[in-house]
Amino acid sequence: MVAIAFKKASDVSNSEISAIDSTPILTNGTEREEIALYLAQMTGELAALARSAQYDLLGYFLEMARIEAKGHAGVLRAPN
């Protein structure tokens, strides 16, 4: 399981963002798949929440992120 800590966006410096963007977190394929599945689950829940609050465009983008994450997790594979 992956532990994730959150900071308020206003507390994150530009150097921290650059470090996050340029540093690969994991190299293990199984861990990467777990993260992709977690991202798919969270973005799906956020999409539903956004739509329930009538933020339809935000819901749409979050749904696209969910589909992208599922693709990275290998959940969406083309039939042979």
Protein backbone atom coordinates (compact mmCIF):
# COMPACT_ATOMS: atom_id res chain seq x y z
CA MET A 1 0.00 0.00 0.00
CA VAL A 2 1.19 3.53 -0.71
CA ALA A 3 1.04 6.24 1.98
CA ILE A 4 0.24 9.71 0.71
CA ALA A 5 0.65 12.95 2.64
CA PHE A 6 -1.07 16.15 1.56
CA LYS A 7 -0.15 19.81 1.94
CA LYS A 8 -2.29 22.84 1.29
CA ALA A 9 -1.56 24.17 -2.19
CA SER A 10 -0.54 27.53 -0.72
CA ASP A 11 2.13 25.78 1.41
CA VAL A 12 3.89 24.15 -1.54
CA SER A 13 6.85 26.04 -2.96
CA ASN A 14 7.85 26.12 -6.64
CA SER A 15 11.05 24.22 -5.84
CA GLU A 16 9.01 21.43 -4.22
CA ILE A 17 6.80 21.23 -7.29
CA SER A 18 9.85 21.07 -9.57
CA ALA A 19 11.36 18.32 -7.42
CA ILE A 20 8.13 16.33 -7.53
CA ASP A 21 7.78 16.75 -11.28
CA SER A 22 11.35 15.66 -12.07
CA THR A 23 11.82 12.81 -9.60
CA PRO A 24 10.46 9.40 -10.48
CA ILE A 25 8.75 8.04 -7.36
CA LEU A 26 8.77 4.36 -8.16
CA THR A 27 10.32 1.94 -10.58
CA ASN A 28 8.44 -1.19 -9.54
CA GLY A 29 5.71 -2.03 -12.09
CA THR A 30 3.34 -3.43 -9.47
CA GLU A 31 3.53 -0.26 -7.37
CA ARG A 32 2.98 1.89 -10.45
CA GLU A 33 -0.11 -0.17 -11.29
CA GLU A 34 -1.41 0.22 -7.72
CA ILE A 35 -0.95 3.98 -7.94
CA ALA A 36 -2.75 4.11 -11.29
CA LEU A 37 -5.66 2.11 -9.84
CA TYR A 38 -5.77 4.40 -6.80
CA LEU A 39 -5.80 7.46 -9.05
CA ALA A 40 -8.60 5.93 -11.13
CA GLN A 41 -10.67 5.30 -8.01
CA MET A 42 -10.09 8.77 -6.56
CA THR A 43 -10.72 10.65 -9.81
CA GLY A 44 -13.91 8.62 -10.32
CA GLU A 45 -15.16 9.65 -6.90
CA LEU A 46 -14.17 13.27 -7.49
CA ALA A 47 -15.92 13.23 -10.88
CA ALA A 48 -19.14 12.03 -9.24
CA LEU A 49 -18.82 14.70 -6.55
CA ALA A 50 -18.19 17.43 -9.13
CA ARG A 51 -21.20 16.37 -11.18
CA SER A 52 -23.44 16.24 -8.10
CA ALA A 53 -22.49 19.87 -7.44
CA GLN A 54 -23.25 20.69 -11.11
CA TYR A 55 -19.60 21.25 -12.02
CA ASP A 56 -20.13 19.34 -15.24
CA LEU A 57 -16.95 20.39 -17.06
CA LEU A 58 -14.81 19.58 -14.02
CA GLY A 59 -16.60 16.24 -13.75
CA TYR A 60 -15.84 15.57 -17.40
CA PHE A 61 -12.12 16.30 -16.98
CA LEU A 62 -11.94 14.14 -13.87
CA GLU A 63 -13.65 11.31 -15.75
CA MET A 64 -11.04 11.64 -18.51
CA ALA A 65 -8.33 11.44 -15.86
CA ARG A 66 -10.00 8.27 -14.48
CA ILE A 67 -9.97 6.66 -17.92
CA GLU A 68 -6.33 7.63 -18.46
CA ALA A 69 -5.34 6.17 -15.08
CA LYS A 70 -7.17 2.92 -15.83
CA GLY A 71 -5.27 2.72 -19.09
CA HIS A 72 -1.97 3.07 -17.26
CA ALA A 73 -3.05 0.36 -14.83
CA GLY A 74 -3.69 -2.00 -17.72
CA VAL A 75 -7.41 -2.20 -16.92
CA LEU A 76 -8.41 -0.95 -20.35
CA ARG A 77 -6.80 -3.30 -22.85
CA ALA A 78 -7.76 -3.69 -26.47
CA PRO A 79 -9.27 -7.10 -27.26
CA ASN A 80 -6.96 -9.51 -29.10
